[in-house]
N, C-alpha and C. Protein backbone atom coordinates (compact mmCIF):
# COMPACT_ATOMS: atom_id res chain seq x y z
N UNK A 1 -64.35 -175.92 35.10
CA UNK A 1 -63.44 -176.77 34.35
C UNK A 1 -62.60 -175.87 33.45
N UNK A 2 -61.29 -175.94 33.58
CA UNK A 2 -60.42 -175.09 32.77
C UNK A 2 -60.24 -175.69 31.38
N UNK A 3 -59.85 -174.85 30.45
CA UNK A 3 -59.61 -175.32 29.10
C UNK A 3 -58.41 -176.27 29.06
N UNK A 4 -57.45 -176.06 29.98
CA UNK A 4 -56.32 -177.00 30.07
C UNK A 4 -56.83 -178.39 30.43
N UNK A 5 -57.76 -178.44 31.38
CA UNK A 5 -58.33 -179.71 31.80
C UNK A 5 -59.08 -180.38 30.65
N UNK A 6 -59.83 -179.60 29.91
CA UNK A 6 -60.57 -180.12 28.76
C UNK A 6 -59.59 -180.67 27.73
N UNK A 7 -58.53 -179.92 27.45
CA UNK A 7 -57.52 -180.34 26.49
C UNK A 7 -56.86 -181.65 26.92
N UNK A 8 -56.49 -181.74 28.20
CA UNK A 8 -55.87 -182.96 28.74
C UNK A 8 -56.81 -184.16 28.64
N UNK A 9 -58.05 -183.97 29.07
CA UNK A 9 -59.02 -185.08 29.07
C UNK A 9 -59.36 -185.54 27.65
N UNK A 10 -59.51 -184.57 26.75
CA UNK A 10 -59.84 -184.90 25.37
C UNK A 10 -58.68 -185.64 24.70
N UNK A 11 -57.47 -185.16 24.96
CA UNK A 11 -56.28 -185.81 24.42
C UNK A 11 -56.19 -187.25 24.93
N UNK A 12 -56.44 -187.44 26.23
CA UNK A 12 -56.38 -188.78 26.81
C UNK A 12 -57.46 -189.68 26.21
N UNK A 13 -58.68 -189.16 26.10
CA UNK A 13 -59.79 -189.96 25.58
C UNK A 13 -59.51 -190.48 24.18
N UNK A 14 -58.93 -189.62 23.34
CA UNK A 14 -58.66 -190.01 21.96
C UNK A 14 -57.26 -190.59 21.76
N UNK A 15 -56.48 -190.64 22.84
CA UNK A 15 -55.13 -191.21 22.81
C UNK A 15 -54.27 -190.52 21.74
N UNK A 16 -54.19 -189.19 21.83
CA UNK A 16 -53.42 -188.38 20.88
C UNK A 16 -52.04 -188.12 21.48
N UNK A 17 -50.99 -188.44 20.75
CA UNK A 17 -49.64 -188.21 21.25
C UNK A 17 -49.17 -186.78 20.96
N UNK A 18 -48.01 -186.42 21.48
CA UNK A 18 -47.49 -185.05 21.33
C UNK A 18 -47.34 -184.64 19.87
N UNK A 19 -46.75 -185.50 19.07
CA UNK A 19 -46.51 -185.17 17.66
C UNK A 19 -47.84 -184.92 16.93
N UNK A 20 -48.83 -185.74 17.20
CA UNK A 20 -50.14 -185.56 16.57
C UNK A 20 -50.79 -184.26 17.04
N UNK A 21 -50.64 -183.94 18.33
CA UNK A 21 -51.19 -182.69 18.86
C UNK A 21 -50.57 -181.49 18.14
N UNK A 22 -49.26 -181.52 17.98
CA UNK A 22 -48.56 -180.42 17.31
C UNK A 22 -49.04 -180.31 15.86
N UNK A 23 -49.22 -181.44 15.19
CA UNK A 23 -49.73 -181.45 13.81
C UNK A 23 -51.16 -180.90 13.75
N UNK A 24 -51.98 -181.23 14.71
CA UNK A 24 -53.37 -180.75 14.74
C UNK A 24 -53.40 -179.24 14.91
N UNK A 25 -52.58 -178.72 15.80
CA UNK A 25 -52.49 -177.26 15.95
C UNK A 25 -52.04 -176.62 14.63
N UNK A 26 -51.07 -177.23 13.97
CA UNK A 26 -50.54 -176.69 12.72
C UNK A 26 -51.62 -176.62 11.63
N UNK A 27 -52.52 -177.59 11.61
CA UNK A 27 -53.60 -177.58 10.62
C UNK A 27 -54.47 -176.34 10.75
N UNK A 28 -54.56 -175.80 11.95
CA UNK A 28 -55.36 -174.59 12.18
C UNK A 28 -54.49 -173.33 12.09
N UNK A 29 -53.23 -173.50 11.68
CA UNK A 29 -52.37 -172.35 11.50
C UNK A 29 -51.66 -171.87 12.75
N UNK A 30 -51.60 -172.69 13.79
CA UNK A 30 -50.92 -172.31 15.03
C UNK A 30 -49.70 -173.20 15.21
N UNK A 31 -48.55 -172.55 15.33
CA UNK A 31 -47.31 -173.31 15.56
C UNK A 31 -47.12 -173.46 17.06
N UNK A 32 -47.06 -174.71 17.50
CA UNK A 32 -46.87 -175.03 18.92
C UNK A 32 -45.66 -175.93 19.02
N UNK A 33 -44.72 -175.55 19.87
CA UNK A 33 -43.54 -176.38 20.10
C UNK A 33 -43.85 -177.39 21.18
N UNK A 34 -43.05 -178.44 21.25
CA UNK A 34 -43.27 -179.51 22.21
C UNK A 34 -43.26 -178.98 23.65
N UNK A 35 -42.37 -178.04 23.96
CA UNK A 35 -42.29 -177.46 25.31
C UNK A 35 -43.56 -176.68 25.64
N UNK A 36 -44.09 -175.93 24.65
CA UNK A 36 -45.33 -175.19 24.86
C UNK A 36 -46.49 -176.14 25.13
N UNK A 37 -46.54 -177.21 24.35
CA UNK A 37 -47.59 -178.20 24.52
C UNK A 37 -47.52 -178.82 25.90
N UNK A 38 -46.33 -179.15 26.31
CA UNK A 38 -46.12 -179.72 27.64
C UNK A 38 -46.63 -178.79 28.73
N UNK A 39 -46.36 -177.49 28.58
CA UNK A 39 -46.83 -176.50 29.56
C UNK A 39 -48.35 -176.37 29.57
N UNK A 40 -48.97 -176.50 28.40
CA UNK A 40 -50.43 -176.44 28.30
C UNK A 40 -51.09 -177.65 28.97
N UNK A 41 -50.40 -178.77 28.94
CA UNK A 41 -50.96 -180.01 29.47
C UNK A 41 -50.70 -180.21 30.96
N UNK A 42 -49.93 -179.30 31.55
CA UNK A 42 -49.67 -179.40 32.99
C UNK A 42 -50.90 -179.00 33.78
N UNK A 43 -50.97 -179.49 35.00
CA UNK A 43 -52.08 -179.15 35.87
C UNK A 43 -51.81 -177.81 36.53
N UNK A 44 -52.89 -177.12 36.86
CA UNK A 44 -52.78 -175.83 37.52
C UNK A 44 -51.97 -176.00 38.81
N UNK A 45 -51.00 -175.14 39.02
CA UNK A 45 -50.15 -175.22 40.19
C UNK A 45 -48.82 -175.89 39.91
N UNK A 46 -48.71 -176.66 38.81
CA UNK A 46 -47.44 -177.28 38.44
C UNK A 46 -46.49 -176.21 37.90
N UNK A 47 -45.21 -176.43 38.09
CA UNK A 47 -44.20 -175.50 37.59
C UNK A 47 -44.25 -175.47 36.07
N UNK A 48 -44.32 -174.28 35.49
CA UNK A 48 -44.35 -174.12 34.04
C UNK A 48 -45.75 -174.13 33.45
N UNK A 49 -46.77 -174.25 34.28
CA UNK A 49 -48.16 -174.28 33.81
C UNK A 49 -48.47 -173.02 33.00
N UNK A 50 -49.07 -173.19 31.84
CA UNK A 50 -49.51 -172.07 31.00
C UNK A 50 -51.00 -172.24 30.77
N UNK A 51 -51.76 -171.18 31.01
CA UNK A 51 -53.21 -171.24 30.83
C UNK A 51 -53.56 -171.38 29.35
N UNK A 52 -54.45 -172.29 29.06
CA UNK A 52 -54.96 -172.49 27.71
C UNK A 52 -56.09 -171.48 27.50
N UNK A 53 -55.88 -170.50 26.65
CA UNK A 53 -56.91 -169.49 26.42
C UNK A 53 -57.85 -169.91 25.29
N UNK A 54 -58.85 -169.07 25.03
CA UNK A 54 -59.84 -169.38 23.99
C UNK A 54 -59.20 -169.60 22.63
N UNK A 55 -58.22 -168.77 22.30
CA UNK A 55 -57.58 -168.85 21.00
C UNK A 55 -56.84 -170.17 20.81
N UNK A 56 -56.12 -170.61 21.83
CA UNK A 56 -55.38 -171.88 21.75
C UNK A 56 -56.35 -173.05 21.65
N UNK A 57 -57.36 -173.06 22.50
CA UNK A 57 -58.34 -174.15 22.49
C UNK A 57 -59.08 -174.20 21.16
N UNK A 58 -59.47 -173.04 20.66
CA UNK A 58 -60.18 -172.99 19.39
C UNK A 58 -59.30 -173.50 18.25
N UNK A 59 -58.02 -173.14 18.29
CA UNK A 59 -57.09 -173.62 17.26
C UNK A 59 -56.99 -175.14 17.29
N UNK A 60 -56.91 -175.70 18.49
CA UNK A 60 -56.84 -177.16 18.60
C UNK A 60 -58.10 -177.81 18.04
N UNK A 61 -59.26 -177.31 18.45
CA UNK A 61 -60.51 -177.92 17.99
C UNK A 61 -60.71 -177.74 16.49
N UNK A 62 -60.36 -176.56 15.96
CA UNK A 62 -60.46 -176.34 14.52
C UNK A 62 -59.50 -177.25 13.76
N UNK A 63 -58.28 -177.40 14.30
CA UNK A 63 -57.31 -178.30 13.68
C UNK A 63 -57.78 -179.74 13.72
N UNK A 64 -58.43 -180.13 14.82
CA UNK A 64 -58.95 -181.49 14.93
C UNK A 64 -60.06 -181.73 13.91
N UNK A 65 -60.90 -180.73 13.70
CA UNK A 65 -61.95 -180.85 12.68
C UNK A 65 -61.32 -181.06 11.31
N UNK A 66 -60.30 -180.27 11.00
CA UNK A 66 -59.61 -180.42 9.71
C UNK A 66 -58.94 -181.78 9.62
N UNK A 67 -58.31 -182.22 10.70
CA UNK A 67 -57.62 -183.51 10.74
C UNK A 67 -58.59 -184.67 10.50
N UNK A 68 -59.74 -184.62 11.15
CA UNK A 68 -60.71 -185.72 11.07
C UNK A 68 -61.59 -185.66 9.83
N UNK A 69 -61.95 -184.43 9.40
CA UNK A 69 -62.95 -184.30 8.34
C UNK A 69 -62.45 -183.66 7.06
N UNK A 70 -61.28 -183.03 7.12
CA UNK A 70 -60.76 -182.33 5.96
C UNK A 70 -61.10 -180.85 6.02
N UNK A 71 -60.41 -180.08 5.21
CA UNK A 71 -60.58 -178.63 5.20
C UNK A 71 -61.85 -178.26 4.44
N UNK A 72 -62.58 -177.28 4.99
CA UNK A 72 -63.79 -176.78 4.33
C UNK A 72 -63.42 -175.77 3.27
N UNK A 73 -64.25 -175.73 2.24
CA UNK A 73 -64.03 -174.74 1.18
C UNK A 73 -64.45 -173.35 1.63
N UNK A 74 -65.51 -173.29 2.43
CA UNK A 74 -66.04 -171.99 2.87
C UNK A 74 -65.65 -171.72 4.32
N UNK A 75 -64.36 -171.66 4.60
CA UNK A 75 -63.85 -171.47 5.96
C UNK A 75 -64.16 -170.09 6.53
N UNK A 76 -64.69 -169.19 5.71
CA UNK A 76 -65.00 -167.84 6.18
C UNK A 76 -66.09 -167.88 7.24
N UNK A 77 -67.12 -168.69 7.06
CA UNK A 77 -68.21 -168.78 8.03
C UNK A 77 -67.75 -169.31 9.37
N UNK A 78 -66.83 -170.25 9.36
CA UNK A 78 -66.35 -170.82 10.62
C UNK A 78 -65.40 -169.87 11.34
N UNK A 79 -64.74 -168.97 10.61
CA UNK A 79 -63.82 -168.03 11.21
C UNK A 79 -64.55 -167.04 12.11
N UNK A 80 -65.76 -166.66 11.74
CA UNK A 80 -66.52 -165.72 12.56
C UNK A 80 -66.78 -166.29 13.94
N UNK A 81 -67.14 -167.55 14.04
CA UNK A 81 -67.42 -168.18 15.33
C UNK A 81 -66.15 -168.39 16.13
N UNK A 82 -65.03 -168.60 15.44
CA UNK A 82 -63.75 -168.81 16.12
C UNK A 82 -63.36 -167.56 16.90
N UNK A 83 -63.71 -166.40 16.39
CA UNK A 83 -63.32 -165.16 17.03
C UNK A 83 -64.19 -164.82 18.23
N UNK A 84 -65.32 -165.48 18.39
CA UNK A 84 -66.18 -165.21 19.53
C UNK A 84 -65.67 -165.96 20.76
N UNK A 85 -66.25 -165.63 21.90
CA UNK A 85 -65.84 -166.28 23.16
C UNK A 85 -66.15 -167.77 23.10
N UNK A 86 -65.20 -168.55 23.52
CA UNK A 86 -65.32 -170.01 23.47
C UNK A 86 -65.92 -170.50 24.78
N UNK A 87 -67.18 -170.94 24.74
CA UNK A 87 -67.83 -171.47 25.93
C UNK A 87 -67.99 -172.98 25.79
N UNK A 88 -68.51 -173.62 26.83
CA UNK A 88 -68.66 -175.08 26.82
C UNK A 88 -69.55 -175.56 25.67
N UNK A 89 -70.58 -174.79 25.33
CA UNK A 89 -71.47 -175.18 24.24
C UNK A 89 -70.70 -175.26 22.92
N UNK A 90 -69.88 -174.24 22.66
CA UNK A 90 -69.12 -174.22 21.42
C UNK A 90 -68.04 -175.31 21.41
N UNK A 91 -67.42 -175.56 22.55
CA UNK A 91 -66.43 -176.64 22.66
C UNK A 91 -67.10 -177.98 22.35
N UNK A 92 -68.26 -178.22 22.96
CA UNK A 92 -69.00 -179.46 22.72
C UNK A 92 -69.39 -179.59 21.26
N UNK A 93 -69.83 -178.48 20.66
CA UNK A 93 -70.23 -178.49 19.26
C UNK A 93 -69.05 -178.83 18.35
N UNK A 94 -67.89 -178.24 18.63
CA UNK A 94 -66.71 -178.51 17.80
C UNK A 94 -66.25 -179.96 17.98
N UNK A 95 -66.36 -180.49 19.19
CA UNK A 95 -66.01 -181.90 19.41
C UNK A 95 -66.96 -182.79 18.62
N UNK A 96 -68.23 -182.45 18.64
CA UNK A 96 -69.25 -183.22 17.93
C UNK A 96 -68.96 -183.22 16.43
N UNK A 97 -68.60 -182.06 15.90
CA UNK A 97 -68.30 -181.94 14.47
C UNK A 97 -67.05 -182.77 14.13
N UNK A 98 -66.00 -182.60 14.92
CA UNK A 98 -64.74 -183.31 14.65
C UNK A 98 -64.93 -184.82 14.67
N UNK A 99 -65.70 -185.30 15.62
CA UNK A 99 -65.89 -186.75 15.77
C UNK A 99 -67.05 -187.28 14.94
N UNK A 100 -67.70 -186.39 14.18
CA UNK A 100 -68.81 -186.75 13.31
C UNK A 100 -69.90 -187.49 14.07
N UNK A 101 -70.27 -186.94 15.21
CA UNK A 101 -71.29 -187.57 16.05
C UNK A 101 -72.67 -187.04 15.72
N UNK A 102 -73.61 -187.93 15.57
CA UNK A 102 -74.99 -187.52 15.42
C UNK A 102 -75.66 -187.58 16.80
N UNK A 103 -76.93 -187.31 16.84
CA UNK A 103 -77.66 -187.27 18.11
C UNK A 103 -77.55 -188.60 18.86
N UNK A 104 -77.73 -189.70 18.14
CA UNK A 104 -77.68 -191.01 18.78
C UNK A 104 -76.28 -191.30 19.34
N UNK A 105 -75.26 -190.88 18.61
CA UNK A 105 -73.88 -191.07 19.07
C UNK A 105 -73.60 -190.29 20.35
N UNK A 106 -74.10 -189.06 20.40
CA UNK A 106 -73.92 -188.22 21.59
C UNK A 106 -74.64 -188.86 22.78
N UNK A 107 -75.87 -189.31 22.56
CA UNK A 107 -76.64 -189.93 23.65
C UNK A 107 -75.96 -191.22 24.13
N UNK A 108 -75.39 -191.98 23.20
CA UNK A 108 -74.70 -193.22 23.57
C UNK A 108 -73.45 -192.92 24.41
N UNK A 109 -72.74 -191.87 24.06
CA UNK A 109 -71.55 -191.48 24.83
C UNK A 109 -71.95 -191.06 26.24
N UNK A 110 -73.03 -190.30 26.35
CA UNK A 110 -73.50 -189.88 27.68
C UNK A 110 -73.94 -191.10 28.49
N UNK A 111 -74.53 -192.07 27.82
CA UNK A 111 -74.96 -193.29 28.52
C UNK A 111 -73.75 -194.06 29.05
N UNK A 112 -72.64 -194.04 28.31
CA UNK A 112 -71.41 -194.69 28.79
C UNK A 112 -70.90 -194.04 30.07
N UNK A 113 -71.24 -192.77 30.25
CA UNK A 113 -70.85 -192.05 31.47
C UNK A 113 -71.93 -192.15 32.53
N UNK A 114 -72.90 -193.03 32.30
CA UNK A 114 -74.01 -193.26 33.22
C UNK A 114 -74.89 -192.04 33.41
N UNK A 115 -75.05 -191.25 32.33
CA UNK A 115 -75.90 -190.06 32.34
C UNK A 115 -76.99 -190.24 31.29
N UNK A 116 -78.22 -190.07 31.69
CA UNK A 116 -79.34 -190.17 30.77
C UNK A 116 -79.77 -188.75 30.38
N UNK A 117 -79.74 -188.48 29.08
CA UNK A 117 -80.09 -187.16 28.56
C UNK A 117 -81.15 -187.38 27.49
N UNK A 118 -82.17 -186.54 27.49
CA UNK A 118 -83.19 -186.65 26.45
C UNK A 118 -82.71 -185.94 25.18
N UNK A 119 -83.35 -186.27 24.07
CA UNK A 119 -82.99 -185.65 22.79
C UNK A 119 -83.22 -184.14 22.84
N UNK A 120 -84.28 -183.72 23.50
CA UNK A 120 -84.56 -182.28 23.56
C UNK A 120 -83.54 -181.55 24.44
N UNK A 121 -83.10 -182.19 25.52
CA UNK A 121 -82.06 -181.58 26.36
C UNK A 121 -80.76 -181.43 25.58
N UNK A 122 -80.44 -182.45 24.80
CA UNK A 122 -79.22 -182.42 24.00
C UNK A 122 -79.31 -181.35 22.91
N UNK A 123 -80.42 -181.30 22.20
CA UNK A 123 -80.54 -180.31 21.12
C UNK A 123 -80.53 -178.88 21.65
N UNK A 124 -80.98 -178.68 22.89
CA UNK A 124 -80.96 -177.33 23.48
C UNK A 124 -79.53 -176.81 23.65
N UNK A 125 -78.57 -177.70 23.79
CA UNK A 125 -77.17 -177.30 23.95
C UNK A 125 -76.57 -176.77 22.66
N UNK A 126 -77.16 -177.15 21.52
CA UNK A 126 -76.61 -176.77 20.22
C UNK A 126 -77.40 -175.64 19.55
N UNK A 127 -78.31 -175.06 20.25
CA UNK A 127 -79.09 -173.94 19.71
C UNK A 127 -78.32 -172.64 19.86
N UNK A 128 -78.77 -171.62 19.13
CA UNK A 128 -78.18 -170.28 19.28
C UNK A 128 -78.52 -169.74 20.65
N UNK A 129 -77.64 -168.91 21.19
CA UNK A 129 -77.84 -168.37 22.54
C UNK A 129 -79.12 -167.56 22.66
N UNK A 130 -79.56 -166.94 21.59
CA UNK A 130 -80.77 -166.11 21.66
C UNK A 130 -82.06 -166.93 21.44
N UNK A 131 -81.94 -168.22 21.23
CA UNK A 131 -83.11 -169.08 21.06
C UNK A 131 -83.77 -169.33 22.41
N UNK A 132 -85.09 -169.38 22.44
CA UNK A 132 -85.80 -169.53 23.71
C UNK A 132 -85.53 -170.86 24.41
N UNK A 133 -85.15 -171.90 23.66
CA UNK A 133 -84.88 -173.21 24.26
C UNK A 133 -83.39 -173.50 24.44
N UNK A 134 -82.55 -172.47 24.28
CA UNK A 134 -81.10 -172.63 24.47
C UNK A 134 -80.82 -173.01 25.92
N UNK A 135 -79.87 -173.93 26.09
CA UNK A 135 -79.44 -174.31 27.43
C UNK A 135 -77.92 -174.24 27.49
N UNK A 136 -77.41 -173.63 28.54
CA UNK A 136 -75.97 -173.53 28.72
C UNK A 136 -75.39 -174.89 29.11
N UNK A 137 -74.28 -175.24 28.50
CA UNK A 137 -73.59 -176.50 28.81
C UNK A 137 -72.71 -176.27 30.03
N UNK A 138 -73.02 -176.93 31.10
CA UNK A 138 -72.26 -176.77 32.33
C UNK A 138 -70.99 -177.61 32.32
N UNK A 139 -70.11 -177.29 33.26
CA UNK A 139 -68.86 -178.02 33.37
C UNK A 139 -69.09 -179.51 33.63
N UNK A 140 -70.08 -179.83 34.46
CA UNK A 140 -70.34 -181.23 34.80
C UNK A 140 -70.79 -182.02 33.58
N UNK A 141 -71.62 -181.41 32.73
CA UNK A 141 -72.08 -182.08 31.51
C UNK A 141 -70.89 -182.37 30.60
N UNK A 142 -70.04 -181.35 30.42
CA UNK A 142 -68.87 -181.52 29.56
C UNK A 142 -67.91 -182.56 30.14
N UNK A 143 -67.74 -182.55 31.44
CA UNK A 143 -66.89 -183.54 32.12
C UNK A 143 -67.44 -184.95 31.90
N UNK A 144 -68.75 -185.12 32.03
CA UNK A 144 -69.37 -186.42 31.80
C UNK A 144 -69.23 -186.86 30.34
N UNK A 145 -69.37 -185.90 29.42
CA UNK A 145 -69.19 -186.22 28.00
C UNK A 145 -67.77 -186.72 27.75
N UNK A 146 -66.79 -186.06 28.32
CA UNK A 146 -65.39 -186.48 28.16
C UNK A 146 -65.15 -187.84 28.80
N UNK A 147 -65.80 -188.11 29.93
CA UNK A 147 -65.69 -189.44 30.55
C UNK A 147 -66.29 -190.51 29.65
N UNK A 148 -67.44 -190.20 29.03
CA UNK A 148 -68.05 -191.13 28.09
C UNK A 148 -67.17 -191.38 26.87
N UNK A 149 -66.53 -190.30 26.38
CA UNK A 149 -65.60 -190.44 25.25
C UNK A 149 -64.45 -191.36 25.62
N UNK A 150 -63.94 -191.18 26.83
CA UNK A 150 -62.83 -192.01 27.30
C UNK A 150 -63.25 -193.47 27.31
N UNK A 151 -64.43 -193.74 27.78
CA UNK A 151 -64.92 -195.13 27.81
C UNK A 151 -65.12 -195.67 26.41
N UNK A 152 -65.56 -194.83 25.50
CA UNK A 152 -65.81 -195.27 24.13
C UNK A 152 -64.50 -195.56 23.38
N UNK A 153 -63.55 -194.65 23.48
CA UNK A 153 -62.33 -194.77 22.69
C UNK A 153 -61.21 -195.52 23.39
N UNK A 154 -61.31 -195.69 24.68
CA UNK A 154 -60.28 -196.43 25.42
C UNK A 154 -60.95 -197.57 26.17
N UNK A 155 -61.89 -198.22 25.52
CA UNK A 155 -62.72 -199.26 26.12
C UNK A 155 -61.90 -200.36 26.78
N UNK A 156 -60.76 -200.69 26.19
CA UNK A 156 -59.97 -201.79 26.74
C UNK A 156 -59.50 -201.50 28.17
N UNK A 157 -59.29 -200.25 28.51
CA UNK A 157 -58.84 -199.92 29.86
C UNK A 157 -59.98 -200.05 30.88
N UNK A 158 -61.21 -200.04 30.40
CA UNK A 158 -62.35 -200.19 31.31
C UNK A 158 -62.89 -201.61 31.34
N UNK A 159 -62.43 -202.45 30.44
CA UNK A 159 -62.92 -203.84 30.40
C UNK A 159 -62.51 -204.63 31.64
N UNK A 160 -61.39 -204.26 32.24
CA UNK A 160 -60.90 -204.97 33.42
C UNK A 160 -61.58 -204.52 34.72
N UNK A 161 -62.28 -203.42 34.67
CA UNK A 161 -62.87 -202.86 35.90
C UNK A 161 -64.26 -203.38 36.15
């Protein structure tokens, strides 16, 4: 799953328009023009497609956290993690923080995607990589989480199905 795909799906799930996306990037200190955003949201193979790298994705997620929860006073600690490689576990963690989801909320979203996950399986995704019970978040898990988010936040579009 590419970061462009994650960005597109997450934007759709939360129904974020272009202007709001640009504002969210700006909150994290990244200036994105409408044309750049459009290129990031294109599918691979489309003319003008630009790959969404770790830095761009991290800026969006950090900006979303600031947008939803406000700016932290001790942003130094979060900057260290921003500079590391952005994997599915960190993307999921930042989404969880931005949306203020607790364990029950995460499990409910997965249930909306018709996926049953135990509390221990879920907590393993948020552990440090060097922890013995750490579990890597696969593309399919993240895809299902985004599908569950879509059902939660765009429920009216699924009520007719």
